[in-house]
């Protein structure tokens, strides 16, 4: 379980440092890294994914706290705990805590990764998605090994 908390802290700190640096130095700017393909675009997202629930910050904070609480209970109750499970859980926790922190402290989430074909997102969103994907793949793999 130590792996989970180590990854949680690393994800949170890295995303926190990136978001604050970009917010304080490049607000409302778009910096081309690979022109027309990948930019660092600083966006202040007052909603959830894809800007849904815009302006519902208090609701999103409550949902975030509920999600983290339920996910923690699932983490504690999991019987077959593997390194992959702990790592993926740390990615999800770190990402969720980072975005929740933004909502509580700033009133919005700082997004900055812009591939021009998808809404702007951040490292936390990436970690949540990759962590969830890894847990799904592990679950499918485990089910194939033990179908009963």
N, C-alpha and C. Protein backbone atom coordinates (compact mmCIF):
# COMPACT_ATOMS: atom_id res chain seq x y z
N UNK A 1 0.82 -1.19 0.00
CA UNK A 1 0.00 0.00 0.00
C UNK A 1 0.87 1.26 0.00
N UNK A 2 2.13 1.14 0.41
CA UNK A 2 3.03 2.28 0.40
C UNK A 2 3.23 2.81 -1.01
N UNK A 3 3.23 1.90 -2.00
CA UNK A 3 3.38 2.31 -3.40
C UNK A 3 2.26 3.25 -3.79
N UNK A 4 1.05 2.93 -3.36
CA UNK A 4 -0.10 3.79 -3.68
C UNK A 4 0.12 5.21 -3.19
N UNK A 5 0.53 5.35 -1.94
CA UNK A 5 0.69 6.68 -1.37
C UNK A 5 1.89 7.41 -1.95
N UNK A 6 2.95 6.69 -2.28
CA UNK A 6 4.11 7.32 -2.92
C UNK A 6 3.72 7.87 -4.29
N UNK A 7 3.03 7.07 -5.08
CA UNK A 7 2.60 7.54 -6.41
C UNK A 7 1.58 8.66 -6.29
N UNK A 8 0.68 8.55 -5.31
CA UNK A 8 -0.29 9.63 -5.07
C UNK A 8 0.43 10.95 -4.84
N UNK A 9 1.42 10.94 -3.96
CA UNK A 9 2.17 12.16 -3.64
C UNK A 9 2.94 12.67 -4.85
N UNK A 10 3.57 11.77 -5.59
CA UNK A 10 4.35 12.18 -6.77
C UNK A 10 3.46 12.81 -7.84
N UNK A 11 2.33 12.18 -8.12
CA UNK A 11 1.41 12.73 -9.12
C UNK A 11 0.90 14.09 -8.68
N UNK A 12 0.46 14.17 -7.42
CA UNK A 12 -0.05 15.44 -6.91
C UNK A 12 1.01 16.54 -7.01
N UNK A 13 2.21 16.27 -6.50
CA UNK A 13 3.25 17.31 -6.50
C UNK A 13 3.67 17.73 -7.90
N UNK A 14 3.85 16.77 -8.78
CA UNK A 14 4.26 17.11 -10.15
C UNK A 14 3.19 17.95 -10.84
N UNK A 15 1.93 17.52 -10.73
CA UNK A 15 0.86 18.28 -11.38
C UNK A 15 0.69 19.65 -10.72
N UNK A 16 0.81 19.71 -9.41
CA UNK A 16 0.72 20.98 -8.68
C UNK A 16 1.79 21.95 -9.17
N UNK A 17 3.02 21.48 -9.27
CA UNK A 17 4.12 22.35 -9.71
C UNK A 17 3.90 22.83 -11.14
N UNK A 18 3.51 21.93 -12.02
CA UNK A 18 3.27 22.30 -13.43
C UNK A 18 2.13 23.32 -13.51
N UNK A 19 1.00 23.01 -12.87
CA UNK A 19 -0.17 23.90 -12.93
C UNK A 19 0.17 25.29 -12.39
N UNK A 20 0.84 25.35 -11.25
CA UNK A 20 1.14 26.65 -10.67
C UNK A 20 2.12 27.44 -11.51
N UNK A 21 3.14 26.79 -12.01
CA UNK A 21 4.09 27.48 -12.87
C UNK A 21 3.39 28.06 -14.10
N UNK A 22 2.59 27.23 -14.77
CA UNK A 22 1.91 27.69 -15.97
C UNK A 22 0.87 28.77 -15.66
N UNK A 23 0.10 28.57 -14.59
CA UNK A 23 -0.94 29.55 -14.21
C UNK A 23 -0.32 30.91 -13.89
N UNK A 24 0.78 30.90 -13.16
CA UNK A 24 1.39 32.16 -12.74
C UNK A 24 2.19 32.85 -13.85
N UNK A 25 2.68 32.08 -14.82
CA UNK A 25 3.55 32.66 -15.85
C UNK A 25 2.95 32.73 -17.25
N UNK A 26 1.93 31.92 -17.54
CA UNK A 26 1.44 31.85 -18.92
C UNK A 26 -0.09 31.81 -19.01
N UNK A 27 -0.79 32.38 -18.03
CA UNK A 27 -2.25 32.35 -18.04
C UNK A 27 -2.81 32.85 -19.37
N UNK A 28 -3.81 32.13 -19.86
CA UNK A 28 -4.56 32.47 -21.08
C UNK A 28 -3.66 32.51 -22.32
N UNK A 29 -2.56 31.78 -22.30
CA UNK A 29 -1.68 31.71 -23.45
C UNK A 29 -1.69 30.30 -24.02
N UNK A 30 -1.29 30.20 -25.27
CA UNK A 30 -1.12 28.91 -25.92
C UNK A 30 0.27 28.88 -26.52
N UNK A 31 1.08 27.96 -26.03
CA UNK A 31 2.47 27.87 -26.47
C UNK A 31 2.64 26.66 -27.38
N UNK A 32 2.92 26.86 -28.65
CA UNK A 32 3.07 25.71 -29.55
C UNK A 32 4.35 24.93 -29.24
N UNK A 33 4.18 23.65 -29.03
CA UNK A 33 5.31 22.74 -28.86
C UNK A 33 5.57 22.07 -30.20
N UNK A 34 4.52 21.53 -30.81
CA UNK A 34 4.54 21.04 -32.20
C UNK A 34 3.37 21.75 -32.88
N UNK A 35 3.65 22.77 -33.67
CA UNK A 35 2.63 23.65 -34.21
C UNK A 35 1.46 22.88 -34.81
N UNK A 36 0.27 23.29 -34.41
CA UNK A 36 -1.01 22.72 -34.86
C UNK A 36 -1.23 21.27 -34.45
N UNK A 37 -0.34 20.72 -33.65
CA UNK A 37 -0.51 19.34 -33.18
C UNK A 37 -0.57 19.30 -31.66
N UNK A 38 0.44 19.87 -31.00
CA UNK A 38 0.48 19.87 -29.54
C UNK A 38 0.92 21.23 -29.03
N UNK A 39 0.08 21.81 -28.17
CA UNK A 39 0.36 23.10 -27.56
C UNK A 39 0.20 22.97 -26.05
N UNK A 40 0.85 23.83 -25.32
CA UNK A 40 0.58 24.04 -23.91
C UNK A 40 -0.36 25.23 -23.88
N UNK A 41 -1.62 24.97 -23.59
CA UNK A 41 -2.65 26.00 -23.57
C UNK A 41 -3.25 26.04 -22.17
N UNK A 42 -3.12 27.17 -21.51
CA UNK A 42 -3.57 27.27 -20.13
C UNK A 42 -5.04 27.67 -20.13
N UNK A 43 -5.87 26.76 -19.55
CA UNK A 43 -7.32 26.94 -19.49
C UNK A 43 -7.74 26.77 -18.04
N UNK A 44 -8.65 27.61 -17.60
CA UNK A 44 -9.20 27.50 -16.25
C UNK A 44 -10.59 26.88 -16.37
N UNK A 45 -10.67 25.59 -16.10
CA UNK A 45 -11.89 24.81 -16.29
C UNK A 45 -12.75 24.89 -15.03
N UNK A 46 -13.88 25.55 -15.13
CA UNK A 46 -14.79 25.69 -14.00
C UNK A 46 -15.81 24.56 -13.94
N UNK A 47 -15.64 23.56 -14.79
CA UNK A 47 -16.56 22.42 -14.81
C UNK A 47 -15.82 21.12 -14.60
N UNK A 48 -16.46 20.05 -15.03
CA UNK A 48 -15.85 18.73 -14.96
C UNK A 48 -15.27 18.42 -16.34
N UNK A 49 -15.13 17.15 -16.66
CA UNK A 49 -14.60 16.75 -17.96
C UNK A 49 -15.40 17.41 -19.08
N UNK A 50 -14.69 17.90 -20.09
CA UNK A 50 -15.28 18.54 -21.26
C UNK A 50 -16.09 19.79 -20.89
N UNK A 51 -15.83 20.36 -19.71
CA UNK A 51 -16.52 21.57 -19.29
C UNK A 51 -17.94 21.32 -18.79
N UNK A 52 -18.34 20.06 -18.61
CA UNK A 52 -19.68 19.77 -18.10
C UNK A 52 -19.80 20.31 -16.68
N UNK A 53 -21.00 20.65 -16.27
CA UNK A 53 -21.31 21.16 -14.93
C UNK A 53 -20.53 22.45 -14.62
N UNK A 54 -20.34 23.25 -15.64
CA UNK A 54 -19.62 24.52 -15.48
C UNK A 54 -20.33 25.37 -14.42
N UNK A 55 -19.54 25.91 -13.50
CA UNK A 55 -20.09 26.76 -12.46
C UNK A 55 -20.65 26.00 -11.27
N UNK A 56 -20.56 24.69 -11.28
CA UNK A 56 -21.08 23.87 -10.18
C UNK A 56 -19.92 23.38 -9.31
N UNK A 57 -19.04 24.30 -8.93
CA UNK A 57 -17.82 23.96 -8.20
C UNK A 57 -18.12 23.23 -6.89
N UNK A 58 -19.09 23.72 -6.14
CA UNK A 58 -19.40 23.08 -4.85
C UNK A 58 -19.86 21.64 -5.05
N UNK A 59 -20.71 21.42 -6.05
CA UNK A 59 -21.17 20.06 -6.35
C UNK A 59 -20.00 19.17 -6.76
N UNK A 60 -19.10 19.70 -7.58
CA UNK A 60 -17.94 18.92 -8.02
C UNK A 60 -17.00 18.61 -6.85
N UNK A 61 -16.90 19.50 -5.90
CA UNK A 61 -16.08 19.25 -4.71
C UNK A 61 -16.69 18.11 -3.90
N UNK A 62 -18.00 18.16 -3.70
CA UNK A 62 -18.69 17.09 -2.95
C UNK A 62 -18.55 15.76 -3.66
N UNK A 63 -18.75 15.75 -4.98
CA UNK A 63 -18.60 14.52 -5.77
C UNK A 63 -17.17 13.99 -5.66
N UNK A 64 -16.19 14.87 -5.71
CA UNK A 64 -14.79 14.47 -5.59
C UNK A 64 -14.49 13.83 -4.25
N UNK A 65 -15.00 14.42 -3.19
CA UNK A 65 -14.77 13.87 -1.85
C UNK A 65 -15.45 12.51 -1.71
N UNK A 66 -16.68 12.39 -2.23
CA UNK A 66 -17.39 11.11 -2.18
C UNK A 66 -16.63 10.06 -2.98
N UNK A 67 -16.18 10.42 -4.19
CA UNK A 67 -15.42 9.47 -5.02
C UNK A 67 -14.17 9.00 -4.29
N UNK A 68 -13.40 9.94 -3.74
CA UNK A 68 -12.16 9.56 -3.06
C UNK A 68 -12.45 8.66 -1.85
N UNK A 69 -13.51 8.93 -1.13
CA UNK A 69 -13.87 8.11 0.03
C UNK A 69 -14.25 6.69 -0.39
N UNK A 70 -15.08 6.58 -1.41
CA UNK A 70 -15.49 5.25 -1.90
C UNK A 70 -14.30 4.50 -2.47
N UNK A 71 -13.47 5.19 -3.23
CA UNK A 71 -12.31 4.53 -3.83
C UNK A 71 -11.35 4.06 -2.74
N UNK A 72 -11.20 4.83 -1.68
CA UNK A 72 -10.34 4.42 -0.56
C UNK A 72 -10.89 3.14 0.09
N UNK A 73 -12.18 3.07 0.28
CA UNK A 73 -12.79 1.86 0.86
C UNK A 73 -12.58 0.65 -0.05
N UNK A 74 -12.70 0.86 -1.35
CA UNK A 74 -12.44 -0.23 -2.31
C UNK A 74 -10.98 -0.65 -2.22
N UNK A 75 -10.08 0.31 -2.15
CA UNK A 75 -8.65 0.02 -2.03
C UNK A 75 -8.37 -0.84 -0.81
N UNK A 76 -8.95 -0.47 0.32
CA UNK A 76 -8.73 -1.22 1.55
C UNK A 76 -9.32 -2.62 1.50
N UNK A 77 -10.42 -2.80 0.78
CA UNK A 77 -11.11 -4.10 0.79
C UNK A 77 -10.63 -5.06 -0.30
N UNK A 78 -9.84 -4.58 -1.24
CA UNK A 78 -9.36 -5.44 -2.33
C UNK A 78 -8.53 -6.59 -1.76
N UNK A 79 -8.87 -7.80 -2.21
CA UNK A 79 -8.19 -8.99 -1.68
C UNK A 79 -6.91 -9.33 -2.44
N UNK A 80 -6.94 -9.26 -3.74
CA UNK A 80 -5.77 -9.62 -4.56
C UNK A 80 -4.99 -8.35 -4.91
N UNK A 81 -4.21 -7.89 -3.99
CA UNK A 81 -3.49 -6.64 -4.19
C UNK A 81 -2.14 -6.90 -4.85
N UNK A 82 -1.99 -6.39 -6.04
CA UNK A 82 -0.74 -6.54 -6.78
C UNK A 82 -0.06 -5.17 -6.88
N UNK A 83 1.17 -5.17 -7.31
CA UNK A 83 1.90 -3.92 -7.51
C UNK A 83 1.17 -3.05 -8.53
N UNK A 84 0.66 -3.67 -9.59
CA UNK A 84 -0.09 -2.92 -10.60
C UNK A 84 -1.32 -2.27 -9.99
N UNK A 85 -2.03 -2.99 -9.15
CA UNK A 85 -3.21 -2.44 -8.47
C UNK A 85 -2.83 -1.23 -7.62
N UNK A 86 -1.77 -1.35 -6.84
CA UNK A 86 -1.33 -0.25 -5.99
C UNK A 86 -0.88 0.96 -6.82
N UNK A 87 -0.13 0.70 -7.89
CA UNK A 87 0.36 1.79 -8.73
C UNK A 87 -0.80 2.51 -9.42
N UNK A 88 -1.70 1.75 -9.99
CA UNK A 88 -2.86 2.35 -10.67
C UNK A 88 -3.71 3.13 -9.69
N UNK A 89 -3.89 2.60 -8.49
CA UNK A 89 -4.67 3.30 -7.47
C UNK A 89 -3.99 4.61 -7.08
N UNK A 90 -2.68 4.62 -6.98
CA UNK A 90 -1.94 5.84 -6.68
C UNK A 90 -2.10 6.89 -7.76
N UNK A 91 -2.11 6.44 -9.01
CA UNK A 91 -2.32 7.37 -10.12
C UNK A 91 -3.70 8.02 -10.02
N UNK A 92 -4.71 7.21 -9.72
CA UNK A 92 -6.07 7.72 -9.62
C UNK A 92 -6.20 8.68 -8.43
N UNK A 93 -5.70 8.25 -7.27
CA UNK A 93 -5.75 9.11 -6.08
C UNK A 93 -5.02 10.42 -6.32
N UNK A 94 -3.80 10.36 -6.83
CA UNK A 94 -3.01 11.57 -7.05
C UNK A 94 -3.70 12.54 -7.99
N UNK A 95 -4.23 12.02 -9.08
CA UNK A 95 -4.93 12.87 -10.04
C UNK A 95 -6.20 13.47 -9.47
N UNK A 96 -6.98 12.64 -8.78
CA UNK A 96 -8.24 13.12 -8.21
C UNK A 96 -7.98 14.17 -7.12
N UNK A 97 -6.99 13.92 -6.28
CA UNK A 97 -6.68 14.88 -5.21
C UNK A 97 -6.16 16.19 -5.80
N UNK A 98 -5.35 16.11 -6.84
CA UNK A 98 -4.82 17.32 -7.46
C UNK A 98 -5.94 18.18 -8.04
N UNK A 99 -6.85 17.57 -8.78
CA UNK A 99 -7.96 18.34 -9.36
C UNK A 99 -8.91 18.84 -8.27
N UNK A 100 -9.13 18.04 -7.24
CA UNK A 100 -9.97 18.48 -6.12
C UNK A 100 -9.32 19.67 -5.41
N UNK A 101 -8.02 19.61 -5.21
CA UNK A 101 -7.28 20.72 -4.60
C UNK A 101 -7.50 22.01 -5.40
N UNK A 102 -7.36 21.92 -6.72
CA UNK A 102 -7.58 23.10 -7.57
C UNK A 102 -8.97 23.67 -7.34
N UNK A 103 -9.97 22.80 -7.34
CA UNK A 103 -11.35 23.27 -7.18
C UNK A 103 -11.55 23.97 -5.83
N UNK A 104 -10.99 23.37 -4.78
CA UNK A 104 -11.16 23.95 -3.44
C UNK A 104 -10.40 25.26 -3.30
N UNK A 105 -9.15 25.29 -3.74
CA UNK A 105 -8.29 26.46 -3.52
C UNK A 105 -8.51 27.56 -4.57
N UNK A 106 -8.63 27.16 -5.85
CA UNK A 106 -8.72 28.15 -6.93
C UNK A 106 -10.14 28.39 -7.44
N UNK A 107 -11.00 27.40 -7.26
CA UNK A 107 -12.37 27.50 -7.80
C UNK A 107 -12.48 26.98 -9.21
N UNK A 108 -11.40 26.44 -9.75
CA UNK A 108 -11.36 25.88 -11.10
C UNK A 108 -10.18 24.93 -11.18
N UNK A 109 -10.15 24.12 -12.24
CA UNK A 109 -9.03 23.21 -12.48
C UNK A 109 -8.19 23.79 -13.61
N UNK A 110 -6.89 23.81 -13.41
CA UNK A 110 -5.98 24.30 -14.43
C UNK A 110 -5.68 23.15 -15.40
N UNK A 111 -6.05 23.35 -16.66
CA UNK A 111 -5.75 22.39 -17.73
C UNK A 111 -4.71 23.01 -18.64
N UNK A 112 -3.89 22.16 -19.29
CA UNK A 112 -2.80 22.73 -20.07
C UNK A 112 -2.33 21.87 -21.24
N UNK A 113 -2.69 20.61 -21.32
CA UNK A 113 -2.25 19.75 -22.43
C UNK A 113 -3.26 19.84 -23.57
N UNK A 114 -2.82 20.34 -24.69
CA UNK A 114 -3.72 20.66 -25.81
C UNK A 114 -3.23 19.99 -27.09
N UNK A 115 -3.92 18.91 -27.47
CA UNK A 115 -3.57 18.19 -28.70
C UNK A 115 -4.41 18.64 -29.89
N UNK A 116 -5.19 19.68 -29.72
CA UNK A 116 -5.95 20.32 -30.79
C UNK A 116 -7.10 19.48 -31.34
N UNK A 117 -7.19 18.20 -31.01
CA UNK A 117 -8.30 17.37 -31.48
C UNK A 117 -9.15 16.89 -30.30
N UNK A 118 -8.82 17.36 -29.11
CA UNK A 118 -9.44 16.92 -27.87
C UNK A 118 -9.48 18.12 -26.93
N UNK A 119 -10.45 18.20 -26.04
CA UNK A 119 -10.43 19.32 -25.08
C UNK A 119 -9.14 19.32 -24.26
N UNK A 120 -8.72 20.49 -23.84
CA UNK A 120 -7.49 20.65 -23.06
C UNK A 120 -7.66 19.91 -21.72
N UNK A 121 -6.59 19.23 -21.31
CA UNK A 121 -6.61 18.44 -20.07
C UNK A 121 -5.30 18.62 -19.34
N UNK A 122 -5.07 17.84 -18.28
CA UNK A 122 -3.84 18.00 -17.50
C UNK A 122 -3.27 16.64 -17.11
N UNK A 123 -2.15 16.66 -16.42
CA UNK A 123 -1.50 15.43 -15.99
C UNK A 123 -2.40 14.61 -15.08
N UNK A 124 -3.14 15.28 -14.20
CA UNK A 124 -4.05 14.57 -13.29
C UNK A 124 -5.09 13.78 -14.07
N UNK A 125 -5.69 14.42 -15.07
CA UNK A 125 -6.69 13.72 -15.90
C UNK A 125 -6.06 12.50 -16.57
N UNK A 126 -4.84 12.67 -17.04
CA UNK A 126 -4.14 11.57 -17.70
C UNK A 126 -3.90 10.42 -16.71
N UNK A 127 -3.45 10.74 -15.51
CA UNK A 127 -3.19 9.70 -14.51
C UNK A 127 -4.47 8.99 -14.10
N UNK A 128 -5.56 9.73 -13.93
CA UNK A 128 -6.84 9.11 -13.59
C UNK A 128 -7.25 8.14 -14.69
N UNK A 129 -7.16 8.57 -15.94
CA UNK A 129 -7.57 7.72 -17.07
C UNK A 129 -6.67 6.50 -17.22
N UNK A 130 -5.36 6.69 -17.14
CA UNK A 130 -4.43 5.56 -17.28
C UNK A 130 -4.61 4.60 -16.10
N UNK A 131 -4.72 5.13 -14.89
CA UNK A 131 -4.92 4.28 -13.71
C UNK A 131 -6.20 3.46 -13.82
N UNK A 132 -7.29 4.11 -14.24
CA UNK A 132 -8.56 3.38 -14.40
C UNK A 132 -8.42 2.32 -15.49
N UNK A 133 -7.76 2.65 -16.59
CA UNK A 133 -7.55 1.68 -17.66
C UNK A 133 -6.74 0.48 -17.18
N UNK A 134 -5.71 0.73 -16.39
CA UNK A 134 -4.90 -0.37 -15.85
C UNK A 134 -5.72 -1.27 -14.92
N UNK A 135 -6.57 -0.67 -14.10
CA UNK A 135 -7.42 -1.47 -13.21
C UNK A 135 -8.42 -2.31 -14.00
N UNK A 136 -8.95 -1.73 -15.06
CA UNK A 136 -9.88 -2.49 -15.92
C UNK A 136 -9.16 -3.64 -16.59
N UNK A 137 -7.98 -3.38 -17.16
CA UNK A 137 -7.21 -4.45 -17.80
C UNK A 137 -6.84 -5.55 -16.80
N UNK A 138 -6.45 -5.16 -15.61
CA UNK A 138 -6.11 -6.15 -14.59
C UNK A 138 -7.34 -6.98 -14.23
N UNK A 139 -8.48 -6.34 -14.12
CA UNK A 139 -9.71 -7.05 -13.79
C UNK A 139 -10.09 -8.04 -14.89
N UNK A 140 -9.96 -7.62 -16.14
CA UNK A 140 -10.26 -8.51 -17.27
C UNK A 140 -9.30 -9.69 -17.27
N UNK A 141 -8.02 -9.41 -17.07
CA UNK A 141 -7.00 -10.46 -17.04
C UNK A 141 -7.27 -11.44 -15.90
N UNK A 142 -7.61 -10.91 -14.72
CA UNK A 142 -7.89 -11.75 -13.57
C UNK A 142 -9.13 -12.61 -13.82
N UNK A 143 -10.13 -12.03 -14.47
CA UNK A 143 -11.36 -12.78 -14.76
C UNK A 143 -11.11 -13.90 -15.76
N UNK A 144 -10.22 -13.66 -16.71
CA UNK A 144 -9.89 -14.72 -17.70
C UNK A 144 -9.16 -15.87 -17.04
N UNK A 145 -8.31 -15.56 -16.05
CA UNK A 145 -7.57 -16.61 -15.36
C UNK A 145 -8.48 -17.42 -14.43
N UNK A 146 -9.42 -16.73 -13.78
CA UNK A 146 -10.35 -17.37 -12.83
C UNK A 146 -11.77 -17.00 -13.20
N UNK A 147 -12.37 -17.67 -14.20
CA UNK A 147 -13.69 -17.27 -14.67
C UNK A 147 -14.80 -17.47 -13.64
N UNK A 148 -14.58 -18.22 -12.58
CA UNK A 148 -15.65 -18.44 -11.59
C UNK A 148 -15.58 -17.47 -10.48
